[in-house]
Amino acid sequence: MSEPPEQFKGFGRPVEPAKPATPKRRRQPRLPDEEYRARRKYEQAEKEGQPTFEVFVRETGKTEWKAAGAIATASNTIVQAVWSEEPKLRASAVRQYASLRKATEPLEYGYRRKEFPDDPILTANRPKPTVISQFRQFLSSKFSRPKK
């Protein structure tokens, strides 16, 4: 084909073809310092080969487990680790699952080894407090400094 005559070319400078848009990199949200330290500690324990467990939560009496987080600890201390981190696990689960906000019953926690996703989830029953742990709790409540 031949070029159109000069009178039909249009006005102004020729338009350059649009450049393809470069995808914007999404920044990861900045974690609070405590969560950042906990994540680093977990990653370090995982690198060292310590057993890692997935932690699940559900309402009492329900059958569906919901993922709440992960813990790296020795196998014989997993139940104590779950219950010592219970406030953080509960906050994480409530943040992820709106249905747990309305839960009137206490939540149940369960766990399984991360390496074995086909294993059944074991319930983490709350350990019975010992006399020593009750005494420590009493002392810490009496002699702890008030937070400002």
C-alpha atoms as a PDB file:
ATOM      1  CA  MET A   1       0.000   0.000   0.000  1.00  0.00           C
ATOM      2  CA  SER A   2       1.054   3.474  -0.589  1.00  0.00           C
ATOM      3  CA  GLU A   3       1.201   6.278   1.922  1.00  0.00           C
ATOM      4  CA  PRO A   4      -1.950   8.358   2.185  1.00  0.00           C
ATOM      5  CA  PRO A   5      -1.656  11.779   0.699  1.00  0.00           C
ATOM      6  CA  GLU A   6      -0.165  14.469   2.907  1.00  0.00           C
ATOM      7  CA  GLN A   7      -3.529  16.117   3.479  1.00  0.00           C
ATOM      8  CA  PHE A   8      -4.977  13.024   5.276  1.00  0.00           C
ATOM      9  CA  LYS A   9      -2.194  12.362   7.788  1.00  0.00           C
ATOM     10  CA  GLY A  10      -3.717  14.183  10.796  1.00  0.00           C
ATOM     11  CA  PHE A  11      -2.510  16.943  13.040  1.00  0.00           C
ATOM     12  CA  GLY A  12       0.289  17.112  15.614  1.00  0.00           C
ATOM     13  CA  ARG A  13       3.151  14.769  16.313  1.00  0.00           C
ATOM     14  CA  PRO A  14       2.786  11.088  15.656  1.00  0.00           C
ATOM     15  CA  VAL A  15       1.654   9.161  18.729  1.00  0.00           C
ATOM     16  CA  GLU A  16       4.121   6.620  20.115  1.00  0.00           C
ATOM     17  CA  PRO A  17       2.718   3.220  20.989  1.00  0.00           C
ATOM     18  CA  ALA A  18       1.981   2.794  24.705  1.00  0.00           C
ATOM     19  CA  LYS A  19       4.618   1.036  26.771  1.00  0.00           C
ATOM     20  CA  PRO A  20       3.485  -2.062  28.601  1.00  0.00           C
ATOM     21  CA  ALA A  21       2.754  -1.277  32.238  1.00  0.00           C
ATOM     22  CA  THR A  22       5.329  -2.617  34.645  1.00  0.00           C
ATOM     23  CA  PRO A  23       3.695  -4.475  37.505  1.00  0.00           C
ATOM     24  CA  LYS A  24       4.039  -2.662  40.806  1.00  0.00           C
ATOM     25  CA  ARG A  25       5.786  -4.641  43.481  1.00  0.00           C
ATOM     26  CA  ARG A  26       3.537  -5.112  46.443  1.00  0.00           C
ATOM     27  CA  ARG A  27       5.231  -4.348  49.699  1.00  0.00           C
ATOM     28  CA  GLN A  28       4.790  -6.852  52.425  1.00  0.00           C
ATOM     29  CA  PRO A  29       3.094  -5.268  55.422  1.00  0.00           C
ATOM     30  CA  ARG A  30       5.514  -4.474  58.180  1.00  0.00           C
ATOM     31  CA  LEU A  31       5.103  -6.814  61.100  1.00  0.00           C
ATOM     32  CA  PRO A  32       5.175  -5.545  64.660  1.00  0.00           C
ATOM     33  CA  ASP A  33       8.549  -6.142  66.309  1.00  0.00           C
ATOM     34  CA  GLU A  34       7.264  -8.975  68.496  1.00  0.00           C
ATOM     35  CA  GLU A  35       5.778 -10.856  65.540  1.00  0.00           C
ATOM     36  CA  TYR A  36       8.928 -10.247  63.492  1.00  0.00           C
ATOM     37  CA  ARG A  37      11.126 -11.711  66.255  1.00  0.00           C
ATOM     38  CA  ALA A  38       8.771 -14.689  66.637  1.00  0.00           C
ATOM     39  CA  ARG A  39       8.863 -15.379  62.893  1.00  0.00           C
ATOM     40  CA  ARG A  40      12.677 -15.206  62.836  1.00  0.00           C
ATOM     41  CA  LYS A  41      12.886 -17.525  65.852  1.00  0.00           C
ATOM     42  CA  TYR A  42      10.525 -20.000  64.143  1.00  0.00           C
ATOM     43  CA  GLU A  43      12.510 -19.914  60.891  1.00  0.00           C
ATOM     44  CA  GLN A  44      15.770 -20.446  62.775  1.00  0.00           C
ATOM     45  CA  ALA A  45      14.335 -23.429  64.684  1.00  0.00           C
ATOM     46  CA  GLU A  46      13.041 -24.876  61.419  1.00  0.00           C
ATOM     47  CA  LYS A  47      16.507 -24.552  59.826  1.00  0.00           C
ATOM     48  CA  GLU A  48      18.063 -26.312  62.827  1.00  0.00           C
ATOM     49  CA  GLY A  49      15.748 -29.267  62.259  1.00  0.00           C
ATOM     50  CA  GLN A  50      13.520 -28.823  65.287  1.00  0.00           C
ATOM     51  CA  PRO A  51      10.078 -30.444  64.905  1.00  0.00           C
ATOM     52  CA  THR A  52       7.456 -28.032  63.588  1.00  0.00           C
ATOM     53  CA  PHE A  53       3.743 -28.318  64.252  1.00  0.00           C
ATOM     54  CA  GLU A  54       0.682 -26.799  62.635  1.00  0.00           C
ATOM     55  CA  VAL A  55      -1.785 -25.507  65.224  1.00  0.00           C
ATOM     56  CA  PHE A  56      -5.530 -25.571  64.603  1.00  0.00           C
ATOM     57  CA  VAL A  57      -8.515 -24.097  66.386  1.00  0.00           C
ATOM     58  CA  ARG A  58     -12.230 -24.836  66.484  1.00  0.00           C
ATOM     59  CA  GLU A  59     -15.262 -24.004  68.551  1.00  0.00           C
ATOM     60  CA  THR A  60     -16.051 -26.521  71.273  1.00  0.00           C
ATOM     61  CA  GLY A  61     -18.416 -29.141  69.894  1.00  0.00           C
ATOM     62  CA  LYS A  62     -17.711 -28.391  66.210  1.00  0.00           C
ATOM     63  CA  THR A  63     -15.866 -30.773  63.895  1.00  0.00           C
ATOM     64  CA  GLU A  64     -14.127 -28.403  61.452  1.00  0.00           C
ATOM     65  CA  TRP A  65     -10.567 -27.401  62.374  1.00  0.00           C
ATOM     66  CA  LYS A  66      -9.219 -24.043  61.166  1.00  0.00           C
ATOM     67  CA  ALA A  67      -5.512 -23.258  60.840  1.00  0.00           C
ATOM     68  CA  ALA A  68      -4.288 -20.853  63.530  1.00  0.00           C
ATOM     69  CA  GLY A  69      -0.501 -20.861  63.171  1.00  0.00           C
ATOM     70  CA  ALA A  70       2.669 -22.896  63.555  1.00  0.00           C
ATOM     71  CA  ILE A  71       5.001 -23.698  66.434  1.00  0.00           C
ATOM     72  CA  ALA A  72       8.504 -25.164  66.458  1.00  0.00           C
ATOM     73  CA  THR A  73       9.165 -27.041  69.688  1.00  0.00           C
ATOM     74  CA  ALA A  74      10.176 -30.436  71.015  1.00  0.00           C
ATOM     75  CA  SER A  75       7.532 -33.120  70.557  1.00  0.00           C
ATOM     76  CA  ASN A  76       7.082 -33.718  74.278  1.00  0.00           C
ATOM     77  CA  THR A  77       6.359 -30.032  75.010  1.00  0.00           C
ATOM     78  CA  ILE A  78       3.881 -29.217  72.236  1.00  0.00           C
ATOM     79  CA  VAL A  79       0.805 -29.115  74.497  1.00  0.00           C
ATOM     80  CA  GLN A  80       2.501 -26.722  76.943  1.00  0.00           C
ATOM     81  CA  ALA A  81       3.704 -24.579  74.030  1.00  0.00           C
ATOM     82  CA  VAL A  82       0.191 -24.358  72.559  1.00  0.00           C
ATOM     83  CA  TRP A  83      -1.361 -23.289  75.857  1.00  0.00           C
ATOM     84  CA  SER A  84       1.431 -20.845  76.717  1.00  0.00           C
ATOM     85  CA  GLU A  85       0.872 -19.136  73.338  1.00  0.00           C
ATOM     86  CA  GLU A  86      -2.925 -19.407  73.557  1.00  0.00           C
ATOM     87  CA  PRO A  87      -3.682 -15.643  73.668  1.00  0.00           C
ATOM     88  CA  LYS A  88      -1.628 -15.041  70.519  1.00  0.00           C
ATOM     89  CA  LEU A  89      -3.123 -18.049  68.727  1.00  0.00           C
ATOM     90  CA  ARG A  90      -6.628 -16.922  69.674  1.00  0.00           C
ATOM     91  CA  ALA A  91      -5.957 -13.380  68.399  1.00  0.00           C
ATOM     92  CA  SER A  92      -4.567 -14.760  65.138  1.00  0.00           C
ATOM     93  CA  ALA A  93      -7.525 -17.113  64.650  1.00  0.00           C
ATOM     94  CA  VAL A  94     -10.098 -14.409  65.384  1.00  0.00           C
ATOM     95  CA  ARG A  95      -8.338 -12.088  62.945  1.00  0.00           C
ATOM     96  CA  GLN A  96      -8.499 -14.753  60.209  1.00  0.00           C
ATOM     97  CA  TYR A  97     -11.960 -16.219  60.840  1.00  0.00           C
ATOM     98  CA  ALA A  98     -14.891 -13.917  61.557  1.00  0.00           C
ATOM     99  CA  SER A  99     -17.054 -16.831  62.749  1.00  0.00           C
ATOM    100  CA  LEU A 100     -14.746 -17.291  65.759  1.00  0.00           C
ATOM    101  CA  ARG A 101     -15.436 -13.727  66.946  1.00  0.00           C
ATOM    102  CA  LYS A 102     -18.962 -14.739  67.830  1.00  0.00           C
ATOM    103  CA  ALA A 103     -17.908 -17.919  69.639  1.00  0.00           C
ATOM    104  CA  THR A 104     -19.429 -18.088  73.100  1.00  0.00           C
ATOM    105  CA  GLU A 105     -17.885 -21.433  74.007  1.00  0.00           C
ATOM    106  CA  PRO A 106     -14.150 -21.697  74.721  1.00  0.00           C
ATOM    107  CA  LEU A 107     -12.009 -22.651  71.746  1.00  0.00           C
ATOM    108  CA  GLU A 108     -10.316 -26.028  71.358  1.00  0.00           C
ATOM    109  CA  TYR A 109      -6.782 -26.270  70.029  1.00  0.00           C
ATOM    110  CA  GLY A 110      -5.242 -29.102  68.071  1.00  0.00           C
ATOM    111  CA  TYR A 111      -1.917 -29.848  66.426  1.00  0.00           C
ATOM    112  CA  ARG A 112      -0.102 -32.144  64.033  1.00  0.00           C
ATOM    113  CA  ARG A 113       3.397 -32.394  62.626  1.00  0.00           C
ATOM    114  CA  LYS A 114       3.876 -30.125  59.646  1.00  0.00           C
ATOM    115  CA  GLU A 115       5.740 -32.840  57.756  1.00  0.00           C
ATOM    116  CA  PHE A 116       2.740 -35.203  57.959  1.00  0.00           C
ATOM    117  CA  PRO A 117      -0.361 -33.385  56.667  1.00  0.00           C
ATOM    118  CA  ASP A 118      -2.306 -36.660  56.364  1.00  0.00           C
ATOM    119  CA  ASP A 119      -2.059 -37.428  60.091  1.00  0.00           C
ATOM    120  CA  PRO A 120      -5.122 -36.762  62.226  1.00  0.00           C
ATOM    121  CA  ILE A 121      -5.221 -33.571  64.275  1.00  0.00           C
ATOM    122  CA  LEU A 122      -4.634 -34.279  67.963  1.00  0.00           C
ATOM    123  CA  THR A 123      -6.491 -32.227  70.556  1.00  0.00           C
ATOM    124  CA  ALA A 124      -4.293 -30.221  72.915  1.00  0.00           C
ATOM    125  CA  ASN A 125      -6.015 -30.550  76.276  1.00  0.00           C
ATOM    126  CA  ARG A 126      -5.280 -27.806  78.776  1.00  0.00           C
ATOM    127  CA  PRO A 127      -2.658 -29.098  81.233  1.00  0.00           C
ATOM    128  CA  LYS A 128      -3.709 -29.175  84.866  1.00  0.00           C
ATOM    129  CA  PRO A 129      -1.922 -26.495  86.875  1.00  0.00           C
ATOM    130  CA  THR A 130       0.657 -27.784  89.326  1.00  0.00           C
ATOM    131  CA  VAL A 131       1.204 -26.309  92.755  1.00  0.00           C
ATOM    132  CA  ILE A 132       4.497 -24.786  91.623  1.00  0.00           C
ATOM    133  CA  SER A 133       2.955 -23.115  88.572  1.00  0.00           C
ATOM    134  CA  GLN A 134       0.108 -21.750  90.701  1.00  0.00           C
ATOM    135  CA  PHE A 135       2.628 -20.363  93.189  1.00  0.00           C
ATOM    136  CA  ARG A 136       4.652 -18.735  90.374  1.00  0.00           C
ATOM    137  CA  GLN A 137       1.501 -17.194  88.943  1.00  0.00           C
ATOM    138  CA  PHE A 138       0.547 -15.863  92.381  1.00  0.00           C
ATOM    139  CA  LEU A 139       3.993 -14.326  92.911  1.00  0.00           C
ATOM    140  CA  SER A 140       4.108 -12.773  89.461  1.00  0.00           C
ATOM    141  CA  SER A 141       0.670 -11.210  89.959  1.00  0.00           C
ATOM    142  CA  LYS A 142       1.675  -9.761  93.351  1.00  0.00           C
ATOM    143  CA  PHE A 143       5.152  -8.509  92.463  1.00  0.00           C
ATOM    144  CA  SER A 144       4.860  -7.514  88.831  1.00  0.00           C
ATOM    145  CA  ARG A 145       5.371  -3.877  87.972  1.00  0.00           C
ATOM    146  CA  PRO A 146       2.327  -2.022  86.719  1.00  0.00           C
ATOM    147  CA  LYS A 147       2.510  -1.212  83.024  1.00  0.00           C
ATOM    148  CA  LYS A 148       2.467   2.423  82.083  1.00  0.00           C
END
